[in-house]
């Protein structure tokens, strides 16, 4: 190669590298501890207002507006943040207060409810699963709530297939990504039903489901890695056992400090919040530079109303690659994950 051609090749490589750097999002400015706490406080205000409005107008205890918001508010309270205790108590009572209240809210079938003829009727109601996972963040459970959780577990056991999996019919990413991510949520719900007084059927279903998930061989995506880490952390696995999953997630962090749902999408609050929460639950702290950058990303991208802007990955009929016109569900879900991650990593200063 002549000197002229070598210079031309070097100039082209330098130009391409500059273009690549220009395409990479810049890291967010470093957030101060008061700014992080303010972000959580704003998120709490948004979640309480949005969830109350949704449930009052839609009469629907949806995954986004009930289960996820319920979990985020409960976790924030555990970390020292002020929430509307009356609202959380009323939400808990309306959805999980007793098996009868679950029927009244449409979360469970009653004795007079006609069977659902759709294929979807054979699947587990994921709204109940999200609530069961969220309920474990409460400081204590009343008897009616315990009975509701036992009923949810009984339905999960009843609908488990012979190979340990559960049927999957409706893909609405990211809340219902695929069969593996739904199974991970179901297993987290069953984890809460393995105490001394738990039914043996729940323990066996948890073992079979975990074995199926470990050997499913389905293509892994970002959310599946996060939920696997949550399963391991909630099961009390030691750090060295979780380290490969932790390392895999840290390697997926973007230059702006966030995580993205897919390799083709930009960083967002849903992927970043859930990753931050899972890593915090596994024992990582704000001293880690990766955690610090994730916190900075979330604080910098929060909207004035306390939410995090989102785009849709699915159409109303559940087909992937579409775009739902109503963005409040995914916005509420993402804001719940962001609040979970931030409050866990940055408890309220007394």
Foldseek 3Di string as FASTA:
>chain_A
DDPVVVVVVVVVVVVVVVVVVVPADAAFDFDDLVLLLVLLVLLLQLLLVLLVVCCVVVLALDLLNQLLSLLLVLLQVVLPDDHDPVSSVVSCCQCQVAPVSVCVSVNDPDPPRDQDPDPCSLFQDVSLLSNLLSVVSHPDDDPRNVNSLLVSLVSVLVSQDPQLFHDDDFAFPPVRHDRLLSLLSNLSSLVVQPDPPHDPSSVVSSVSSVVCSVPVPDDDFLSSLLSVLVSCLSVPHALVVNVVSLVVNLVQQGNRLFHDRGPPDDGFLQSLLSNLLSVLSSPDACVDVSNSSSSSSSSVQADPSSWGDDWGQADPRRHGNDGHPDCSSVRSNSSSSNSSNSCSRNRDDD
